[in-house]
Full PDB file with SEQRES, HELIX, SHEET, SSBOND, CRYST1, ORIGX, SCALE, CONECT and MASTER records, all heavy atoms in Angstrom:
SEQRES   1 A   32  ILE CYS VAL GLY PHE CYS PRO GLN SER VAL PHE ASN GLU          
SEQRES   2 A   32  ASP GLU VAL GLY ARG PRO TYR VAL ASP ALA GLU GLU ALA          
SEQRES   3 A   32  CYS THR GLY CYS GLY LEU                                      
HELIX    1 AA1 CYS A    2  PHE A    5  1                                   4    
HELIX    2 AA2 GLU A   24  ALA A   26  5                                   3    
SHEET    1 AA1 2 PHE A  11  GLU A  13  0                                        
SHEET    2 AA1 2 PRO A  19  VAL A  21 -1                                        
CRYST1    1.000    1.000    1.000  90.00  90.00  90.00 P 1           1          
ORIGX1      1.000000  0.000000  0.000000        0.00000                         
ORIGX2      0.000000  1.000000  0.000000        0.00000                         
ORIGX3      0.000000  0.000000  1.000000        0.00000                         
SCALE1      1.000000  0.000000  0.000000        0.00000                         
SCALE2      0.000000  1.000000  0.000000        0.00000                         
SCALE3      0.000000  0.000000  1.000000        0.00000                         
ATOM      1  N   ILE A   1     -80.556 206.297  51.794  1.00  0.00           N  
ATOM      2  CA  ILE A   1     -81.852 206.105  52.417  1.00  0.00           C  
ATOM      3  C   ILE A   1     -81.810 206.575  53.873  1.00  0.00           C  
ATOM      4  O   ILE A   1     -82.726 207.278  54.319  1.00  0.00           O  
ATOM      5  CB  ILE A   1     -82.327 204.651  52.284  1.00  0.00           C  
ATOM      6  CG1 ILE A   1     -82.699 204.371  50.841  1.00  0.00           C  
ATOM      7  CG2 ILE A   1     -83.524 204.388  53.211  1.00  0.00           C  
ATOM      8  CD1 ILE A   1     -83.068 202.938  50.546  1.00  0.00           C  
ATOM      9  N   CYS A   2     -80.789 206.185  54.614  1.00  0.00           N  
ATOM     10  CA  CYS A   2     -80.738 206.589  56.024  1.00  0.00           C  
ATOM     11  C   CYS A   2     -80.677 208.115  56.172  1.00  0.00           C  
ATOM     12  O   CYS A   2     -81.356 208.702  57.016  1.00  0.00           O  
ATOM     13  CB  CYS A   2     -79.548 205.944  56.738  1.00  0.00           C  
ATOM     14  SG  CYS A   2     -77.938 206.278  56.002  1.00  0.00           S  
ATOM     15  N   VAL A   3     -79.898 208.746  55.288  1.00  0.00           N  
ATOM     16  CA  VAL A   3     -79.802 210.206  55.323  1.00  0.00           C  
ATOM     17  C   VAL A   3     -81.164 210.824  54.990  1.00  0.00           C  
ATOM     18  O   VAL A   3     -81.591 211.792  55.632  1.00  0.00           O  
ATOM     19  CB  VAL A   3     -78.716 210.695  54.332  1.00  0.00           C  
ATOM     20  CG1 VAL A   3     -78.647 212.191  54.300  1.00  0.00           C  
ATOM     21  CG2 VAL A   3     -77.378 210.107  54.673  1.00  0.00           C  
ATOM     22  N   GLY A   4     -81.845 210.301  53.999  1.00  0.00           N  
ATOM     23  CA  GLY A   4     -83.086 210.851  53.547  1.00  0.00           C  
ATOM     24  C   GLY A   4     -84.266 210.628  54.482  1.00  0.00           C  
ATOM     25  O   GLY A   4     -85.138 211.471  54.583  1.00  0.00           O  
ATOM     26  N   PHE A   5     -84.308 209.479  55.165  1.00  0.00           N  
ATOM     27  CA  PHE A   5     -85.447 209.149  56.014  1.00  0.00           C  
ATOM     28  C   PHE A   5     -85.342 209.641  57.426  1.00  0.00           C  
ATOM     29  O   PHE A   5     -86.355 209.704  58.130  1.00  0.00           O  
ATOM     30  CB  PHE A   5     -85.703 207.632  56.020  1.00  0.00           C  
ATOM     31  CG  PHE A   5     -86.598 207.202  54.904  1.00  0.00           C  
ATOM     32  CD1 PHE A   5     -86.048 206.744  53.719  1.00  0.00           C  
ATOM     33  CD2 PHE A   5     -87.954 207.220  55.029  1.00  0.00           C  
ATOM     34  CE1 PHE A   5     -86.865 206.335  52.677  1.00  0.00           C  
ATOM     35  CE2 PHE A   5     -88.805 206.802  54.003  1.00  0.00           C  
ATOM     36  CZ  PHE A   5     -88.237 206.368  52.835  1.00  0.00           C  
ATOM     37  N   CYS A   6     -84.150 209.976  57.890  1.00  0.00           N  
ATOM     38  CA  CYS A   6     -83.979 210.371  59.305  1.00  0.00           C  
ATOM     39  C   CYS A   6     -84.651 211.720  59.552  1.00  0.00           C  
ATOM     40  O   CYS A   6     -84.229 212.740  59.040  1.00  0.00           O  
ATOM     41  CB  CYS A   6     -82.528 210.433  59.699  1.00  0.00           C  
ATOM     42  SG  CYS A   6     -82.304 210.921  61.438  1.00  0.00           S  
ATOM     43  N   PRO A   7     -85.691 211.747  60.404  1.00  0.00           N  
ATOM     44  CA  PRO A   7     -86.381 213.002  60.686  1.00  0.00           C  
ATOM     45  C   PRO A   7     -85.565 213.963  61.568  1.00  0.00           C  
ATOM     46  O   PRO A   7     -85.911 215.160  61.630  1.00  0.00           O  
ATOM     47  CB  PRO A   7     -87.644 212.579  61.414  1.00  0.00           C  
ATOM     48  CG  PRO A   7     -87.336 211.259  62.010  1.00  0.00           C  
ATOM     49  CD  PRO A   7     -86.331 210.611  61.081  1.00  0.00           C  
ATOM     50  N   GLN A   8     -84.487 213.482  62.168  1.00  0.00           N  
ATOM     51  CA  GLN A   8     -83.676 214.312  63.034  1.00  0.00           C  
ATOM     52  C   GLN A   8     -82.329 214.692  62.416  1.00  0.00           C  
ATOM     53  O   GLN A   8     -81.487 215.265  63.087  1.00  0.00           O  
ATOM     54  CB  GLN A   8     -83.449 213.586  64.376  1.00  0.00           C  
ATOM     55  CG  GLN A   8     -84.713 213.261  65.109  1.00  0.00           C  
ATOM     56  CD  GLN A   8     -85.579 214.476  65.415  1.00  0.00           C  
ATOM     57  OE1 GLN A   8     -85.085 215.542  65.758  1.00  0.00           O  
ATOM     58  NE2 GLN A   8     -86.890 214.329  65.249  1.00  0.00           N  
ATOM     59  N   SER A   9     -82.095 214.324  61.176  1.00  0.00           N  
ATOM     60  CA  SER A   9     -80.834 214.620  60.484  1.00  0.00           C  
ATOM     61  C   SER A   9     -79.626 214.120  61.254  1.00  0.00           C  
ATOM     62  O   SER A   9     -78.623 214.833  61.380  1.00  0.00           O  
ATOM     63  CB  SER A   9     -80.736 216.118  60.197  1.00  0.00           C  
ATOM     64  OG  SER A   9     -81.798 216.551  59.404  1.00  0.00           O  
ATOM     65  N   VAL A  10     -79.728 212.889  61.731  1.00  0.00           N  
ATOM     66  CA  VAL A  10     -78.630 212.280  62.464  1.00  0.00           C  
ATOM     67  C   VAL A  10     -77.479 211.906  61.550  1.00  0.00           C  
ATOM     68  O   VAL A  10     -76.322 211.967  61.945  1.00  0.00           O  
ATOM     69  CB  VAL A  10     -79.160 211.049  63.250  1.00  0.00           C  
ATOM     70  CG1 VAL A  10     -78.013 210.214  63.814  1.00  0.00           C  
ATOM     71  CG2 VAL A  10     -80.134 211.462  64.336  1.00  0.00           C  
ATOM     72  N   PHE A  11     -77.779 211.561  60.328  1.00  0.00           N  
ATOM     73  CA  PHE A  11     -76.769 211.114  59.374  1.00  0.00           C  
ATOM     74  C   PHE A  11     -76.362 212.230  58.442  1.00  0.00           C  
ATOM     75  O   PHE A  11     -77.138 213.138  58.153  1.00  0.00           O  
ATOM     76  CB  PHE A  11     -77.306 209.929  58.525  1.00  0.00           C  
ATOM     77  CG  PHE A  11     -77.655 208.757  59.335  1.00  0.00           C  
ATOM     78  CD1 PHE A  11     -78.935 208.565  59.809  1.00  0.00           C  
ATOM     79  CD2 PHE A  11     -76.679 207.781  59.674  1.00  0.00           C  
ATOM     80  CE1 PHE A  11     -79.283 207.434  60.574  1.00  0.00           C  
ATOM     81  CE2 PHE A  11     -77.022 206.667  60.419  1.00  0.00           C  
ATOM     82  CZ  PHE A  11     -78.303 206.521  60.880  1.00  0.00           C  
ATOM     83  N   ASN A  12     -75.162 212.110  57.915  1.00  0.00           N  
ATOM     84  CA  ASN A  12     -74.655 213.003  56.894  1.00  0.00           C  
ATOM     85  C   ASN A  12     -73.886 212.143  55.914  1.00  0.00           C  
ATOM     86  O   ASN A  12     -73.676 210.967  56.165  1.00  0.00           O  
ATOM     87  CB  ASN A  12     -73.795 214.089  57.502  1.00  0.00           C  
ATOM     88  CG  ASN A  12     -73.779 215.367  56.689  1.00  0.00           C  
ATOM     89  OD1 ASN A  12     -74.040 215.353  55.499  1.00  0.00           O  
ATOM     90  ND2 ASN A  12     -73.476 216.453  57.339  1.00  0.00           N  
ATOM     91  N   GLU A  13     -73.485 212.699  54.794  1.00  0.00           N  
ATOM     92  CA  GLU A  13     -72.673 211.959  53.788  1.00  0.00           C  
ATOM     93  C   GLU A  13     -71.316 212.638  53.639  1.00  0.00           C  
ATOM     94  O   GLU A  13     -71.222 213.836  53.658  1.00  0.00           O  
ATOM     95  CB  GLU A  13     -73.403 211.980  52.445  1.00  0.00           C  
ATOM     96  CG  GLU A  13     -74.700 211.201  52.454  1.00  0.00           C  
ATOM     97  CD  GLU A  13     -75.432 211.279  51.118  1.00  0.00           C  
ATOM     98  OE1 GLU A  13     -75.261 212.263  50.379  1.00  0.00           O  
ATOM     99  OE2 GLU A  13     -76.186 210.364  50.807  1.00  0.00           O  
ATOM    100  N   ASP A  14     -70.316 211.767  53.425  1.00  0.00           N  
ATOM    101  CA  ASP A  14     -68.976 212.329  53.150  1.00  0.00           C  
ATOM    102  C   ASP A  14     -68.871 212.742  51.712  1.00  0.00           C  
ATOM    103  O   ASP A  14     -69.881 212.671  50.963  1.00  0.00           O  
ATOM    104  CB  ASP A  14     -67.873 211.361  53.569  1.00  0.00           C  
ATOM    105  CG  ASP A  14     -67.818 210.077  52.747  1.00  0.00           C  
ATOM    106  OD1 ASP A  14     -68.461 210.020  51.684  1.00  0.00           O  
ATOM    107  OD2 ASP A  14     -67.140 209.120  53.214  1.00  0.00           O  
ATOM    108  N   GLU A  15     -67.712 213.155  51.252  1.00  0.00           N  
ATOM    109  CA  GLU A  15     -67.537 213.695  49.900  1.00  0.00           C  
ATOM    110  C   GLU A  15     -67.801 212.666  48.771  1.00  0.00           C  
ATOM    111  O   GLU A  15     -68.040 213.044  47.639  1.00  0.00           O  
ATOM    112  CB  GLU A  15     -66.148 214.308  49.728  1.00  0.00           C  
ATOM    113  CG  GLU A  15     -64.986 213.394  49.976  1.00  0.00           C  
ATOM    114  CD  GLU A  15     -64.636 213.206  51.447  1.00  0.00           C  
ATOM    115  OE1 GLU A  15     -65.092 213.970  52.318  1.00  0.00           O  
ATOM    116  OE2 GLU A  15     -63.926 212.239  51.747  1.00  0.00           O  
ATOM    117  N   VAL A  16     -67.787 211.360  49.117  1.00  0.00           N  
ATOM    118  CA  VAL A  16     -68.089 210.352  48.119  1.00  0.00           C  
ATOM    119  C   VAL A  16     -69.460 209.722  48.309  1.00  0.00           C  
ATOM    120  O   VAL A  16     -69.784 208.707  47.681  1.00  0.00           O  
ATOM    121  CB  VAL A  16     -66.991 209.251  48.048  1.00  0.00           C  
ATOM    122  CG1 VAL A  16     -65.665 209.831  47.556  1.00  0.00           C  
ATOM    123  CG2 VAL A  16     -66.823 208.540  49.382  1.00  0.00           C  
ATOM    124  N   GLY A  17     -70.259 210.265  49.230  1.00  0.00           N  
ATOM    125  CA  GLY A  17     -71.616 209.813  49.415  1.00  0.00           C  
ATOM    126  C   GLY A  17     -71.825 208.722  50.449  1.00  0.00           C  
ATOM    127  O   GLY A  17     -72.925 208.183  50.592  1.00  0.00           O  
ATOM    128  N   ARG A  18     -70.767 208.364  51.193  1.00  0.00           N  
ATOM    129  CA  ARG A  18     -70.887 207.352  52.240  1.00  0.00           C  
ATOM    130  C   ARG A  18     -71.501 207.982  53.476  1.00  0.00           C  
ATOM    131  O   ARG A  18     -71.054 209.022  53.931  1.00  0.00           O  
ATOM    132  CB  ARG A  18     -69.558 206.719  52.592  1.00  0.00           C  
ATOM    133  CG  ARG A  18     -68.997 205.902  51.430  1.00  0.00           C  
ATOM    134  CD  ARG A  18     -67.916 204.928  51.863  1.00  0.00           C  
ATOM    135  NE  ARG A  18     -68.395 203.877  52.708  1.00  0.00           N  
ATOM    136  CZ  ARG A  18     -69.026 202.768  52.308  1.00  0.00           C  
ATOM    137  NH1 ARG A  18     -69.262 202.594  51.021  1.00  0.00           N  
ATOM    138  NH2 ARG A  18     -69.376 201.833  53.156  1.00  0.00           N  
ATOM    139  N   PRO A  19     -72.527 207.373  54.060  1.00  0.00           N  
ATOM    140  CA  PRO A  19     -73.151 207.965  55.246  1.00  0.00           C  
ATOM    141  C   PRO A  19     -72.286 207.785  56.490  1.00  0.00           C  
ATOM    142  O   PRO A  19     -71.477 206.835  56.591  1.00  0.00           O  
ATOM    143  CB  PRO A  19     -74.452 207.161  55.385  1.00  0.00           C  
ATOM    144  CG  PRO A  19     -74.165 205.837  54.775  1.00  0.00           C  
ATOM    145  CD  PRO A  19     -73.191 206.129  53.655  1.00  0.00           C  
ATOM    146  N   TYR A  20     -72.445 208.701  57.418  1.00  0.00           N  
ATOM    147  CA  TYR A  20     -71.814 208.579  58.725  1.00  0.00           C  
ATOM    148  C   TYR A  20     -72.739 209.211  59.750  1.00  0.00           C  
ATOM    149  O   TYR A  20     -73.600 210.044  59.427  1.00  0.00           O  
ATOM    150  CB  TYR A  20     -70.418 209.214  58.748  1.00  0.00           C  
ATOM    151  CG  TYR A  20     -70.375 210.696  58.508  1.00  0.00           C  
ATOM    152  CD1 TYR A  20     -70.431 211.604  59.565  1.00  0.00           C  
ATOM    153  CD2 TYR A  20     -70.289 211.189  57.225  1.00  0.00           C  
ATOM    154  CE1 TYR A  20     -70.404 212.969  59.331  1.00  0.00           C  
ATOM    155  CE2 TYR A  20     -70.263 212.552  56.969  1.00  0.00           C  
ATOM    156  CZ  TYR A  20     -70.294 213.432  58.043  1.00  0.00           C  
ATOM    157  OH  TYR A  20     -70.275 214.774  57.793  1.00  0.00           O  
ATOM    158  N   VAL A  21     -72.602 208.791  61.005  1.00  0.00           N  
ATOM    159  CA  VAL A  21     -73.425 209.337  62.085  1.00  0.00           C  
ATOM    160  C   VAL A  21     -72.817 210.651  62.450  1.00  0.00           C  
ATOM    161  O   VAL A  21     -71.669 210.758  62.905  1.00  0.00           O  
ATOM    162  CB  VAL A  21     -73.429 208.376  63.300  1.00  0.00           C  
ATOM    163  CG1 VAL A  21     -74.252 208.960  64.419  1.00  0.00           C  
ATOM    164  CG2 VAL A  21     -73.986 207.003  62.876  1.00  0.00           C  
ATOM    165  N   ASP A  22     -73.588 211.709  62.262  1.00  0.00           N  
ATOM    166  CA  ASP A  22     -73.109 213.084  62.483  1.00  0.00           C  
ATOM    167  C   ASP A  22     -73.638 213.708  63.778  1.00  0.00           C  
ATOM    168  O   ASP A  22     -72.987 214.541  64.359  1.00  0.00           O  
ATOM    169  CB  ASP A  22     -73.518 213.966  61.264  1.00  0.00           C  
ATOM    170  CG  ASP A  22     -72.868 215.307  61.284  1.00  0.00           C  
ATOM    171  OD1 ASP A  22     -71.712 215.434  61.747  1.00  0.00           O  
ATOM    172  OD2 ASP A  22     -73.517 216.260  60.820  1.00  0.00           O  
ATOM    173  N   ALA A  23     -74.842 213.291  64.206  1.00  0.00           N  
ATOM    174  CA  ALA A  23     -75.457 213.889  65.359  1.00  0.00           C  
ATOM    175  C   ALA A  23     -76.222 212.826  66.177  1.00  0.00           C  
ATOM    176  O   ALA A  23     -77.419 212.874  66.307  1.00  0.00           O  
ATOM    177  CB  ALA A  23     -76.395 215.007  64.940  1.00  0.00           C  
ATOM    178  N   GLU A  24     -75.475 211.854  66.730  1.00  0.00           N  
ATOM    179  CA  GLU A  24     -76.095 210.770  67.448  1.00  0.00           C  
ATOM    180  C   GLU A  24     -76.947 211.271  68.604  1.00  0.00           C  
ATOM    181  O   GLU A  24     -77.998 210.690  68.887  1.00  0.00           O  
ATOM    182  CB  GLU A  24     -75.000 209.823  68.000  1.00  0.00           C  
ATOM    183  CG  GLU A  24     -75.540 208.600  68.649  1.00  0.00           C  
ATOM    184  CD  GLU A  24     -74.442 207.616  69.008  1.00  0.00           C  
ATOM    185  OE1 GLU A  24     -73.620 207.935  69.900  1.00  0.00           O  
ATOM    186  OE2 GLU A  24     -74.409 206.541  68.371  1.00  0.00           O  
ATOM    187  N   GLU A  25     -76.560 212.369  69.224  1.00  0.00           N  
ATOM    188  CA  GLU A  25     -77.334 212.932  70.343  1.00  0.00           C  
ATOM    189  C   GLU A  25     -78.725 213.390  69.946  1.00  0.00           C  
ATOM    190  O   GLU A  25     -79.632 213.499  70.781  1.00  0.00           O  
ATOM    191  CB  GLU A  25     -76.570 214.071  71.005  1.00  0.00           C  
ATOM    192  CG  GLU A  25     -76.441 215.318  70.157  1.00  0.00           C  
ATOM    193  CD  GLU A  25     -75.356 215.287  69.074  1.00  0.00           C  
ATOM    194  OE1 GLU A  25     -74.578 214.300  69.010  1.00  0.00           O  
ATOM    195  OE2 GLU A  25     -75.307 216.232  68.274  1.00  0.00           O  
ATOM    196  N   ALA A  26     -78.962 213.621  68.659  1.00  0.00           N  
ATOM    197  CA  ALA A  26     -80.270 214.047  68.172  1.00  0.00           C  
ATOM    198  C   ALA A  26     -81.242 212.869  67.919  1.00  0.00           C  
ATOM    199  O   ALA A  26     -82.433 213.045  67.728  1.00  0.00           O  
ATOM    200  CB  ALA A  26     -80.115 214.848  66.891  1.00  0.00           C  
ATOM    201  N   CYS A  27     -80.702 211.653  67.938  1.00  0.00           N  
ATOM    202  CA  CYS A  27     -81.511 210.461  67.620  1.00  0.00           C  
ATOM    203  C   CYS A  27     -82.596 210.277  68.683  1.00  0.00           C  
ATOM    204  O   CYS A  27     -82.367 210.344  69.861  1.00  0.00           O  
ATOM    205  CB  CYS A  27     -80.621 209.241  67.593  1.00  0.00           C  
ATOM    206  SG  CYS A  27     -81.509 207.687  67.237  1.00  0.00           S  
ATOM    207  N   THR A  28     -83.802 210.025  68.195  1.00  0.00           N  
ATOM    208  CA  THR A  28     -84.955 209.788  69.069  1.00  0.00           C  
ATOM    209  C   THR A  28     -85.282 208.312  69.173  1.00  0.00           C  
ATOM    210  O   THR A  28     -86.220 207.928  69.894  1.00  0.00           O  
ATOM    211  CB  THR A  28     -86.212 210.555  68.572  1.00  0.00           C  
ATOM    212  OG1 THR A  28     -86.554 210.097  67.276  1.00  0.00           O  
ATOM    213  CG2 THR A  28     -85.973 212.058  68.577  1.00  0.00           C  
ATOM    214  N   GLY A  29     -84.604 207.478  68.404  1.00  0.00           N  
ATOM    215  CA  GLY A  29     -84.838 206.020  68.447  1.00  0.00           C  
ATOM    216  C   GLY A  29     -86.034 205.591  67.639  1.00  0.00           C  
ATOM    217  O   GLY A  29     -86.581 204.514  67.856  1.00  0.00           O  
ATOM    218  N   CYS A  30     -86.442 206.384  66.678  1.00  0.00           N  
ATOM    219  CA  CYS A  30     -87.635 206.042  65.870  1.00  0.00           C  
ATOM    220  C   CYS A  30     -87.420 204.760  65.017  1.00  0.00           C  
ATOM    221  O   CYS A  30     -88.343 204.042  64.725  1.00  0.00           O  
ATOM    222  CB  CYS A  30     -88.047 207.192  64.972  1.00  0.00           C  
ATOM    223  SG  CYS A  30     -86.951 207.496  63.566  1.00  0.00           S  
ATOM    224  N   GLY A  31     -86.152 204.507  64.655  1.00  0.00           N  
ATOM    225  CA  GLY A  31     -85.818 203.268  63.959  1.00  0.00           C  
ATOM    226  C   GLY A  31     -86.032 203.302  62.442  1.00  0.00           C  
ATOM    227  O   GLY A  31     -85.904 202.272  61.780  1.00  0.00           O  
ATOM    228  N   LEU A  32     -86.417 204.456  61.873  1.00  0.00           N  
ATOM    229  CA  LEU A  32     -86.638 204.501  60.452  1.00  0.00           C  
ATOM    230  C   LEU A  32     -85.400 204.111  59.651  1.00  0.00           C  
ATOM    231  O   LEU A  32     -85.495 203.408  58.640  1.00  0.00           O  
ATOM    232  CB  LEU A  32     -87.102 205.901  59.999  1.00  0.00           C  
ATOM    233  CG  LEU A  32     -88.567 206.244  60.283  1.00  0.00           C  
ATOM    234  CD1 LEU A  32     -88.833 207.677  59.930  1.00  0.00           C  
ATOM    235  CD2 LEU A  32     -89.475 205.305  59.537  1.00  0.00           C  
TER     236      LEU A  32                                                      
MASTER        0    0    0    2    2    0    0    6  235    1    0    3          
END                                                                             
């Protein structure tokens, strides 16, 4: 959900589908 809803593509998934913060600097603080 976090990967799918983030309008700035801040999150990414590893090879097993676990999310991680990939681009924190792109976060606008929308809170979705």
